[in-house]
Every structure is written in C-alpha cells, then in structure tokens.
Protein backbone atom coordinates (compact mmCIF):
# COMPACT_ATOMS: atom_id res chain seq x y z
CA MET A 1 97.67 21.14 87.48
CA ARG A 2 99.20 19.70 84.67
CA VAL A 3 96.56 16.84 84.52
CA GLY A 4 93.75 19.20 84.63
CA ALA A 5 95.00 20.82 82.10
CA ILE A 6 95.18 17.94 79.89
CA LEU A 7 91.68 16.91 80.79
CA ALA A 8 90.21 20.43 79.86
CA ALA A 9 92.06 19.95 76.61
CA LEU A 10 90.48 16.52 76.02
CA LEU A 11 86.91 17.91 76.70
CA LEU A 12 87.42 20.84 74.42
CA VAL A 13 88.47 18.51 71.70
CA ALA A 14 85.53 16.51 72.25
CA GLY A 15 83.25 19.10 72.40
CA LEU A 16 84.62 20.49 69.13
CA MET A 17 84.07 17.13 67.67
CA VAL A 18 80.61 16.83 68.72
CA GLY A 19 79.64 20.42 67.90
CA SER A 20 80.98 20.06 64.44
CA GLY A 21 79.08 17.07 63.60
CA CYS A 22 81.74 14.26 63.92
CA PHE A 23 79.37 11.74 65.09
CA TYR A 24 75.89 10.75 64.63
CA THR A 25 73.19 7.77 65.68
CA LEU A 26 71.03 5.80 64.01
CA ASP A 27 67.88 4.28 65.14
CA PRO A 28 67.43 0.49 64.95
CA THR A 29 64.40 1.42 62.23
CA GLU A 30 66.90 3.46 60.19
CA GLN A 31 69.70 2.86 57.76
CA ALA A 32 72.28 5.44 56.17
CA ILE A 33 74.57 6.57 53.17
CA VAL A 34 77.68 8.86 54.10
CA THR A 35 77.82 11.26 51.16
CA GLU A 36 80.76 13.69 50.37
CA PHE A 37 80.13 16.72 48.55
CA GLY A 38 76.67 14.89 47.52
CA ARG A 39 78.41 11.84 46.41
CA PRO A 40 77.65 8.40 48.33
CA ILE A 41 81.09 7.26 50.25
CA GLY A 42 81.38 3.73 51.37
CA ALA A 43 78.92 0.99 52.05
CA PRO A 44 75.43 1.53 53.37
CA VAL A 45 75.42 1.96 57.09
CA LEU A 46 73.03 -0.62 58.72
CA GLU A 47 73.55 -1.03 62.29
CA ALA A 48 71.94 1.18 64.86
CA GLY A 49 74.12 3.18 66.99
CA LEU A 50 77.07 5.66 67.37
CA HIS A 51 79.00 6.39 64.17
CA PHE A 52 81.67 8.99 63.01
CA LYS A 53 81.76 11.05 59.82
CA THR A 54 84.46 13.71 58.63
CA PRO A 55 82.84 17.04 60.02
CA PHE A 56 81.74 19.95 57.55
CA VAL A 57 82.81 17.61 54.63
CA GLN A 58 80.43 14.59 54.96
CA ASP A 59 76.68 14.44 54.99
CA VAL A 60 74.12 11.48 56.32
CA ARG A 61 71.29 10.39 54.15
CA ARG A 62 68.82 8.51 56.50
CA PHE A 63 66.17 5.80 55.06
CA GLU A 64 63.36 3.65 56.33
CA LYS A 65 64.51 0.23 57.14
CA ARG A 66 60.70 -0.79 58.09
CA ILE A 67 58.01 -2.06 55.86
CA LEU A 68 56.39 0.98 53.91
CA ARG A 69 53.01 0.87 52.25
CA TRP A 70 51.92 1.88 48.73
CA ASP A 71 48.40 2.98 47.90
CA GLY A 72 47.26 2.98 44.56
CA GLU A 73 44.68 5.30 42.98
CA PRO A 74 41.38 3.29 42.41
CA ARG A 75 41.06 2.73 38.33
CA GLU A 76 38.54 1.44 35.70
CA ILE A 77 40.30 -1.47 34.18
CA SER A 78 38.80 -3.68 31.67
CA THR A 79 38.97 -7.36 31.73
CA ARG A 80 39.31 -10.25 29.08
CA GLU A 81 35.73 -10.45 28.73
CA LYS A 82 35.80 -6.51 28.32
CA LYS A 83 33.77 -5.95 31.52
CA PHE A 84 35.05 -2.77 33.14
CA ILE A 85 35.53 -3.19 37.04
CA PHE A 86 36.91 -0.62 39.66
CA ILE A 87 40.14 -1.85 41.18
CA ASP A 88 41.92 -0.23 44.25
CA THR A 89 45.05 -2.18 45.12
CA MET A 90 47.91 -1.52 47.87
CA ALA A 91 51.50 -2.89 48.17
CA ARG A 92 54.21 -3.28 50.94
CA TRP A 93 57.63 -2.62 49.92
CA ARG A 94 60.86 -1.76 51.77
CA ILE A 95 64.74 -0.34 50.68
CA ALA A 96 66.29 -3.33 50.49
CA ASP A 97 69.83 -1.47 49.07
CA PRO A 98 69.69 2.24 50.19
CA LEU A 99 73.00 3.04 48.08
CA VAL A 100 71.15 1.96 44.46
CA PHE A 101 67.83 3.61 45.96
CA LEU A 102 69.71 7.00 46.51
CA GLN A 103 71.07 6.83 43.07
CA SER A 104 68.19 5.80 41.07
CA VAL A 105 65.28 7.39 43.25
CA GLY A 106 66.23 9.74 45.70
CA ASP A 107 63.91 9.89 48.15
CA VAL A 108 60.63 8.02 49.48
CA GLU A 109 58.37 10.59 47.93
CA ALA A 110 59.99 9.83 44.59
CA ALA A 111 59.77 6.08 44.93
CA GLN A 112 56.18 6.51 45.47
CA GLN A 113 55.56 7.99 42.20
CA ARG A 114 58.10 5.22 40.43
CA LEU A 115 55.86 2.82 42.26
CA ASP A 116 52.56 4.32 40.86
CA ASN A 117 53.58 3.84 37.63
CA ILE A 118 55.06 0.46 37.82
CA ILE A 119 52.69 -1.42 39.94
CA ASP A 120 49.62 0.31 38.38
CA GLY A 121 51.01 -0.50 34.74
CA VAL A 122 51.84 -4.17 35.75
CA VAL A 123 47.86 -4.43 37.57
CA LYS A 124 46.40 -3.27 34.27
CA ASP A 125 48.42 -5.30 32.04
CA THR A 126 47.69 -8.30 34.00
CA ILE A 127 43.92 -7.72 34.67
CA SER A 128 42.99 -6.93 31.04
CA SER A 129 44.35 -10.28 30.12
CA THR A 130 42.73 -12.40 33.01
CA ALA A 131 39.28 -13.26 33.20
CA LEU A 132 36.98 -11.60 35.65
CA ILE A 133 36.04 -15.00 37.80
CA ASP A 134 40.18 -15.36 38.27
CA VAL A 135 40.22 -11.77 39.65
CA VAL A 136 37.11 -12.15 41.98
CA ARG A 137 37.67 -15.85 43.03
CA ALA A 138 40.44 -17.07 45.46
CA THR A 139 40.10 -20.97 44.72
CA THR A 140 40.21 -22.93 41.49
CA ARG A 141 37.42 -25.18 43.22
CA PRO A 142 34.21 -25.19 40.79
CA MET A 143 31.69 -22.83 41.48
CA LYS A 144 28.73 -24.09 43.33
CA THR A 145 25.65 -22.08 42.18
CA ASP A 146 22.11 -22.05 43.69
CA THR A 147 21.07 -24.54 41.06
CA ASP A 148 23.63 -27.08 42.75
CA ASN A 149 22.33 -26.71 46.02
CA ALA A 150 18.49 -27.36 44.95
CA ALA A 151 17.02 -30.79 45.13
CA ALA A 152 18.28 -33.04 42.47
CA THR A 153 15.95 -32.76 39.46
CA PRO A 154 15.85 -33.93 35.48
CA ASP A 155 16.88 -30.15 34.63
CA GLN A 156 19.33 -29.89 37.05
CA GLY A 157 22.31 -29.47 34.55
CA ALA A 158 20.49 -26.56 32.64
CA ALA A 159 22.93 -23.68 31.84
CA SER A 160 22.87 -21.13 34.57
CA SER A 161 22.47 -17.44 33.46
CA ILE A 162 26.48 -17.10 34.27
CA ASP A 163 28.53 -18.08 31.20
CA ASP A 164 30.06 -21.47 31.86
CA ALA A 165 33.28 -19.92 30.45
CA ALA A 166 33.22 -17.29 33.22
CA THR A 167 32.73 -19.95 35.97
CA VAL A 168 35.68 -21.79 35.29
CA VAL A 169 38.65 -20.73 37.59
CA THR A 170 42.15 -21.02 35.95
CA ILE A 171 44.25 -19.15 38.05
CA GLY A 172 42.50 -17.58 41.11
CA ARG A 173 43.41 -14.40 42.79
CA PRO A 174 46.20 -15.90 45.00
CA GLN A 175 48.14 -16.77 41.92
CA LEU A 176 47.24 -13.63 40.30
CA MET A 177 48.39 -11.57 42.84
CA LEU A 178 51.70 -13.82 42.86
CA ARG A 179 52.00 -13.26 39.33
CA ILE A 180 51.63 -9.37 39.79
CA THR A 181 53.79 -9.22 42.46
CA THR A 182 56.79 -11.11 40.85
CA GLU A 183 56.40 -8.97 37.67
CA ALA A 184 56.54 -5.92 39.31
CA ALA A 185 59.48 -6.91 41.47
CA LYS A 186 61.39 -7.55 38.62
CA ARG A 187 60.88 -3.76 37.74
CA LEU A 188 61.88 -2.60 41.06
CA THR A 189 64.94 -4.55 41.85
CA SER A 190 67.17 -2.13 39.91
CA LEU A 191 65.70 0.72 41.88
CA GLY A 192 66.73 -0.71 45.19
CA ILE A 193 63.32 -1.60 46.24
CA GLU A 194 62.25 -4.89 47.33
CA LEU A 195 58.45 -5.66 46.60
CA LEU A 196 56.90 -8.11 49.09
CA ASP A 197 53.16 -8.38 47.88
CA VAL A 198 50.36 -6.61 46.03
CA ARG A 199 46.74 -6.61 47.38
CA ILE A 200 43.48 -6.01 45.78
CA LYS A 201 41.72 -3.66 48.36
CA ARG A 202 38.58 -3.16 46.72
CA LEU A 203 36.80 -4.49 43.76
CA ASN A 204 33.74 -3.66 41.99
CA PHE A 205 31.75 -3.40 38.60
CA VAL A 206 31.41 0.07 37.08
CA ASP A 207 27.76 1.36 37.04
CA ARG A 208 26.80 0.37 33.49
CA VAL A 209 27.95 -3.25 34.27
CA LEU A 210 26.26 -3.19 37.37
CA GLU A 211 22.91 -2.82 35.75
CA ASP A 212 23.50 -5.59 33.52
CA VAL A 213 24.68 -7.84 36.53
CA TYR A 214 21.77 -6.88 38.54
CA ARG A 215 19.40 -7.99 35.93
CA ARG A 216 20.95 -11.13 35.14
CA MET A 217 20.87 -11.99 38.93
CA ILE A 218 17.08 -11.05 38.84
CA SER A 219 16.83 -13.32 35.75
CA GLU A 220 18.59 -15.98 37.47
CA ARG A 221 16.42 -15.99 40.63
CA GLN A 222 13.41 -15.90 38.45
CA ARG A 223 14.41 -18.98 36.53
CA ILE A 224 15.27 -20.59 39.53
CA ALA A 225 11.61 -19.55 41.20
CA GLU A 226 9.83 -20.93 37.95
CA ARG A 227 11.75 -23.96 38.57
CA PHE A 228 10.75 -24.74 41.93
CA ARG A 229 7.23 -23.85 40.95
CA SER A 230 7.03 -26.00 38.27
CA GLU A 231 8.22 -28.78 40.56
CA GLY A 232 5.78 -27.88 43.15
CA GLN A 233 2.98 -28.23 40.26
CA GLY A 234 4.54 -31.40 39.27
CA ASP A 235 4.44 -32.83 43.03
CA ARG A 236 0.96 -31.61 43.41
CA ALA A 237 -0.44 -33.16 40.22
CA ARG A 238 1.39 -36.67 41.14
CA ILE A 239 0.17 -36.27 44.90
CA LEU A 240 -3.32 -35.63 43.49
CA GLY A 241 -3.02 -38.78 41.00
CA GLN A 242 -2.19 -41.03 43.91
CA LEU A 243 -5.05 -39.68 45.85
CA GLU A 244 -7.41 -40.27 43.37
CA LYS A 245 -5.91 -43.81 42.49
CA GLU A 246 -6.25 -44.56 46.06
CA GLN A 247 -9.85 -43.20 46.15
CA LYS A 248 -10.84 -45.35 43.34
CA ARG A 249 -9.22 -48.38 45.11
CA ILE A 250 -11.13 -47.79 48.20
CA SER A 251 -14.37 -47.19 46.29
CA SER A 252 -14.01 -50.27 44.41
CA GLU A 253 -12.98 -52.33 47.28
CA ALA A 254 -16.06 -51.17 49.32
CA PHE A 255 -18.37 -51.68 46.51
CA ARG A 256 -17.16 -55.20 46.00
CA ASP A 257 -17.32 -55.91 49.83
CA ALA A 258 -20.96 -54.63 49.71
CA GLU A 259 -22.02 -56.73 46.75
CA LYS A 260 -20.57 -59.81 48.46
CA THR A 261 -22.47 -58.89 51.83
CA ARG A 262 -25.49 -58.13 49.67
CA GLY A 263 -25.29 -61.67 47.49
CA ASP A 264 -24.53 -63.65 50.79
CA ALA A 265 -27.82 -62.07 52.39
CA ASP A 266 -29.91 -62.68 49.47
CA ALA A 267 -28.53 -66.35 49.66
CA THR A 268 -29.07 -66.72 52.90
CA ALA A 269 -32.62 -65.33 52.53
CA ALA A 270 -33.45 -67.52 49.66
CA ARG A 271 -32.31 -70.63 51.51
CA THR A 272 -34.77 -69.68 54.63
CA TYR A 273 -37.37 -69.10 52.02
CA ALA A 274 -36.72 -72.60 50.52
CA ASP A 275 -36.40 -74.10 53.81
CA ALA A 276 -39.83 -72.32 55.11
CA TYR A 277 -41.80 -73.21 51.84
CA GLY A 278 -40.50 -76.39 51.47
CA ARG A 279 -42.10 -77.99 54.44
CA ASP A 280 -45.51 -77.06 53.16
CA PRO A 281 -45.98 -76.74 49.22
CA ASP A 282 -49.76 -75.77 49.57
CA PHE A 283 -49.09 -73.04 51.93
CA TYR A 284 -46.44 -71.96 49.61
CA ARG A 285 -48.70 -72.02 46.68
CA PHE A 286 -51.52 -70.30 48.48
CA VAL A 287 -48.87 -67.27 49.75
CA LYS A 288 -47.60 -66.86 46.03
CA SER A 289 -51.05 -66.89 44.83
CA LEU A 290 -51.91 -63.89 47.10
CA GLU A 291 -48.61 -61.97 46.10
CA THR A 292 -49.41 -62.59 42.70
CA LEU A 293 -53.12 -61.25 43.26
CA GLU A 294 -51.94 -58.35 45.01
CA ALA A 295 -49.59 -57.22 42.35
CA ALA A 296 -52.02 -58.03 39.71
CA VAL A 297 -55.57 -56.42 41.08
CA GLY A 298 -55.26 -53.09 42.63
CA SER A 299 -58.01 -50.60 43.91
CA GLY A 300 -60.62 -49.76 41.13
CA THR A 301 -59.39 -52.65 39.15
CA THR A 302 -61.87 -54.58 36.49
CA ALA A 303 -60.72 -57.69 35.31
CA VAL A 304 -62.47 -60.15 33.02
CA LEU A 305 -61.64 -63.81 34.23
CA SER A 306 -62.21 -67.47 32.72
CA THR A 307 -64.26 -69.55 34.88
CA ARG A 308 -61.83 -72.26 34.59
CA GLY A 309 -58.97 -70.44 35.84
CA GLU A 310 -57.61 -70.56 38.99
CA LEU A 311 -57.25 -67.25 39.98
CA LEU A 312 -61.23 -67.00 39.75
CA ASP A 313 -61.71 -69.82 42.28
CA LEU A 314 -58.94 -68.43 44.31
CA LEU A 315 -60.97 -65.24 44.58
CA LYS A 316 -64.33 -66.90 44.88
CA SER A 317 -62.67 -68.97 48.12
CA ALA A 318 -61.10 -65.74 49.42
CA GLY A 319 -64.44 -64.21 49.13
CA ALA A 320 -66.48 -67.04 51.05
CA SER A 321 -63.63 -67.16 53.63
CA ALA A 322 -64.13 -63.54 54.02
CA SER A 323 -68.29 -63.66 54.70
CA PRO A 324 -69.96 -63.37 57.53
CA GLY A 325 -70.60 -66.58 59.70
CA LYS A 326 -68.15 -68.51 57.91
C-alpha cells in the first residue's frame, strides 16, 4: 500500500512537470535558444532529443538548422560599359550561430529583409564595376565567334561587330559569384548567418538595349553573309579563269595538231605527185598545161594569142585530137 502511494506520488510529480513544460524536444532539423524572461540563457541547444527547462520561467526559441533559400527581386543594374541589364539572383544560407542570430536579427523573416539589403547592395556594386562579358561568360577562354569558325580567309582578322574589349574575359561568372559571396558573407557573419553561395538565376538586357543588340546581331550576320558572298564570287571568277585558260590550251593544242596533220598530208601529197610526175616529165608538162588552160580560158572567153606561143600550139593540137576520124 505504501509502495503504491509512492508510485502514485511520483507519477503525479512527473505529470505536473510535463504539464508545466519542464521538458521539450528538438527535431534533428532544429536548434534552440532557451530564454528566461526574454533574455537568452546558456549556450545554444544543438542536439536533437529531450531537454529540460525551468517551467513557467524559461521559454524555447527554435531555429532552422537546415540550409535556407533567399530569392532576390529582379532589378535593373548598369554594367561597367553603361549597359543596363535585368538580373535576378538567389542565395543559400543557414543560421550558423543561433544566439547571435537571435540577438541581432530575431527571426527568419527579419533575416530575409537584412539579406535583401546586404546581398542586393553587394550585387549592385560588383556588377556596376564589372564588364558585361564577365557577368555573362563562365570561362576566361577566348570567345570563338562565327568569323573564327569560318574558313580561313585574308580578312579573317577583321574586327567583329562586338567590341574587342567586350570579348576579353578577365574574371568570368564563377569568380564573379565567388567575389560577391565572399563580400556579402563578411557583412552577414556579425548577424550569425553563414552565406553559402550566391547565384544568378536569370540575366537579360533591358528593352532599349535589346534593340541595339538585335541590330548589331543583324549587322554581324549581314557582314558574314557579304563576306561569304564575296568569297563565292572570287572563287567563281577564279574557276572561270581556269576554265577559260584550259579551253584556250585545248584549242591551241588541237589547232597545232590539225596544222601538223595538214602539213604532213600536204607533204605526202607533194611527194606522191613528185614521184608520179618524175616518171614522165612530158606527161607532167601536158597535165600542167591543161590545168593552166582550164584556169585561164573559161566559157565565152575571147583570147588573142601569138602564133608563136605554146598555148596556141596546145589548143591546135587539142582541137586536132578532138576532130572526127582522128
């Protein structure tokens, strides 16, 4: 009976302690600060599980132990070249020291407002002193343009429509983001906040700059097209020149071969005639006289000939040989 009374008393005390809030539990994703009349008492409670506090006097302020996300408002910022861009950033952070965080900020909502002021300020100051190419590109490797991809030509080194200064990467986006993160983290350490990283979610030109960019893109494409067109016309002229040269060479060789063949044929004919006529000189003179007569006397021709001329004798002999009975 006495043991039962003792157990009942112990259970009553335990129930009173639980009911009065002597115990509290922490989730693995939480960390806490115990306050007494609003003032922090002791070190931060970081371990998950069951913990004790003085009832009615002490209170528990819980904070996230997990990584939190911050989203900035898209804003218009001018780069070093005075080119206005819309930039949208985000960051990841966590509460590194809950005691300092409670004393300097208070809660996550207030911390988000402080992050707005600090990170946005660092982003604006850094971007405004940085070239646009360093904000856009992620490497210091020299930019390769369409002109570089084209076939090598004498004018390959011509200046692009993009300024040379704007195509030289000196930092690159990763280093730029690291610089922004480091600078902003310095200002957030005193608030008990650890800034893990800052990233650019979206980047775009403002409308008035976009129009200029589009015009430059069109001009660049037209310049490249004109260069390709001029290269094509040059190749066409070169090919036509080679074709004409080859045509003249073939015609010249053909004319040379034809003249050679004709000369060989004339020589063969002359040699054949000479051999034939050399066998009978009188017959040769007779044939040549007939050819001369045929060329000199045509139909209806009146000729005055000397009685001593050989041509008259030839006509007489030809007429005598052509009379009947001869």
